[in-house]
C-alpha atoms as a PDB file:
ATOM      1  CA  MET A   1     -17.441 -25.114  63.798  1.00  0.00           C
ATOM      2  CA  PRO A   2     -15.584 -24.993  67.138  1.00  0.00           C
ATOM      3  CA  SER A   3     -12.495 -22.820  67.283  1.00  0.00           C
ATOM      4  CA  GLN A   4      -9.122 -24.521  67.481  1.00  0.00           C
ATOM      5  CA  LYS A   5      -7.251 -24.564  70.761  1.00  0.00           C
ATOM      6  CA  LYS A   6      -4.608 -21.844  70.676  1.00  0.00           C
ATOM      7  CA  LEU A   7      -1.578 -22.428  72.868  1.00  0.00           C
ATOM      8  CA  LYS A   8       0.393 -19.628  74.470  1.00  0.00           C
ATOM      9  CA  LEU A   9       4.126 -19.589  73.815  1.00  0.00           C
ATOM     10  CA  PRO A  10       5.090 -20.745  77.355  1.00  0.00           C
ATOM     11  CA  GLU A  11       2.774 -23.758  76.911  1.00  0.00           C
ATOM     12  CA  VAL A  12       4.414 -24.606  73.577  1.00  0.00           C
ATOM     13  CA  LEU A  13       7.931 -24.191  75.006  1.00  0.00           C
ATOM     14  CA  ALA A  14       7.119 -26.455  77.956  1.00  0.00           C
ATOM     15  CA  GLU A  15       5.697 -29.131  75.666  1.00  0.00           C
ATOM     16  CA  ILE A  16       8.612 -29.166  73.231  1.00  0.00           C
ATOM     17  CA  GLY A  17      11.292 -28.606  75.894  1.00  0.00           C
ATOM     18  CA  MET A  18      12.888 -25.606  74.249  1.00  0.00           C
ATOM     19  CA  SER A  19      14.008 -22.184  75.435  1.00  0.00           C
ATOM     20  CA  ARG A  20      12.318 -19.045  74.147  1.00  0.00           C
ATOM     21  CA  ALA A  21      15.560 -17.929  72.440  1.00  0.00           C
ATOM     22  CA  ALA A  22      15.971 -21.277  70.660  1.00  0.00           C
ATOM     23  CA  PHE A  23      12.324 -21.166  69.549  1.00  0.00           C
ATOM     24  CA  TYR A  24      12.742 -17.684  68.073  1.00  0.00           C
ATOM     25  CA  ARG A  25      15.926 -18.763  66.253  1.00  0.00           C
ATOM     26  CA  MET A  26      14.058 -21.739  64.829  1.00  0.00           C
ATOM     27  CA  ARG A  27      11.150 -19.489  63.873  1.00  0.00           C
ATOM     28  CA  ALA A  28      13.520 -17.080  62.086  1.00  0.00           C
ATOM     29  CA  ARG A  29      14.813 -20.017  60.008  1.00  0.00           C
ATOM     30  CA  GLY A  30      11.242 -21.069  59.169  1.00  0.00           C
ATOM     31  CA  LYS A  31      11.564 -24.357  61.096  1.00  0.00           C
ATOM     32  CA  ALA A  32       9.090 -23.676  63.919  1.00  0.00           C
ATOM     33  CA  PRO A  33       5.412 -24.595  63.977  1.00  0.00           C
ATOM     34  CA  ARG A  34       3.140 -22.109  62.230  1.00  0.00           C
ATOM     35  CA  CYS A  35       2.498 -19.205  64.611  1.00  0.00           C
ATOM     36  CA  THR A  36      -0.059 -16.446  64.826  1.00  0.00           C
ATOM     37  CA  LYS A  37       1.066 -13.081  66.157  1.00  0.00           C
ATOM     38  CA  LEU A  38      -1.676 -11.217  67.989  1.00  0.00           C
ATOM     39  CA  PRO A  39      -2.046  -7.414  67.767  1.00  0.00           C
ATOM     40  CA  ASN A  40      -0.536  -7.136  71.261  1.00  0.00           C
ATOM     41  CA  GLY A  41       2.597  -8.959  70.032  1.00  0.00           C
ATOM     42  CA  GLN A  42       1.917 -12.265  71.776  1.00  0.00           C
ATOM     43  CA  ILE A  43       2.444 -15.507  69.878  1.00  0.00           C
ATOM     44  CA  ARG A  44      -0.127 -18.298  69.646  1.00  0.00           C
ATOM     45  CA  VAL A  45       0.257 -21.743  68.087  1.00  0.00           C
ATOM     46  CA  SER A  46      -2.771 -23.845  67.253  1.00  0.00           C
ATOM     47  CA  ARG A  47      -2.858 -27.382  68.641  1.00  0.00           C
ATOM     48  CA  GLU A  48      -3.303 -28.603  65.053  1.00  0.00           C
ATOM     49  CA  ALA A  49      -0.172 -26.756  63.840  1.00  0.00           C
ATOM     50  CA  LEU A  50       1.914 -28.041  66.755  1.00  0.00           C
ATOM     51  CA  ASP A  51       0.775 -31.642  66.223  1.00  0.00           C
ATOM     52  CA  ALA A  52       1.510 -31.392  62.475  1.00  0.00           C
ATOM     53  CA  TRP A  53       4.973 -29.969  63.230  1.00  0.00           C
ATOM     54  CA  TRP A  54       5.712 -32.861  65.630  1.00  0.00           C
ATOM     55  CA  ALA A  55       4.528 -35.400  63.037  1.00  0.00           C
ATOM     56  CA  ASP A  56       6.751 -33.812  60.383  1.00  0.00           C
ATOM     57  CA  LEU A  57       9.793 -33.943  62.698  1.00  0.00           C
ATOM     58  CA  GLU A  58       9.162 -37.617  63.474  1.00  0.00           C
ATOM     59  CA  GLU A  59       8.695 -38.448  59.786  1.00  0.00           C
ATOM     60  CA  ASN A  60      11.931 -36.716  58.802  1.00  0.00           C
ATOM     61  CA  ALA A  61      13.860 -38.346  61.651  1.00  0.00           C
ATOM     62  CA  ALA A  62      13.007 -41.861  60.478  1.00  0.00           C
END
């Protein structure tokens, strides 16, 4: 099974058009896409989790 594409936080921020501070506030409220924190402290978001998050936002906006 191929591994999922993991996006770095700057890639995610560029795609969703959000500042790092706003993303962390959203994450603290449990409203951000599901993240994985690496042992070095960096954040990764799987492509699948980001796409599901986008779909959920679009569904709730309708």
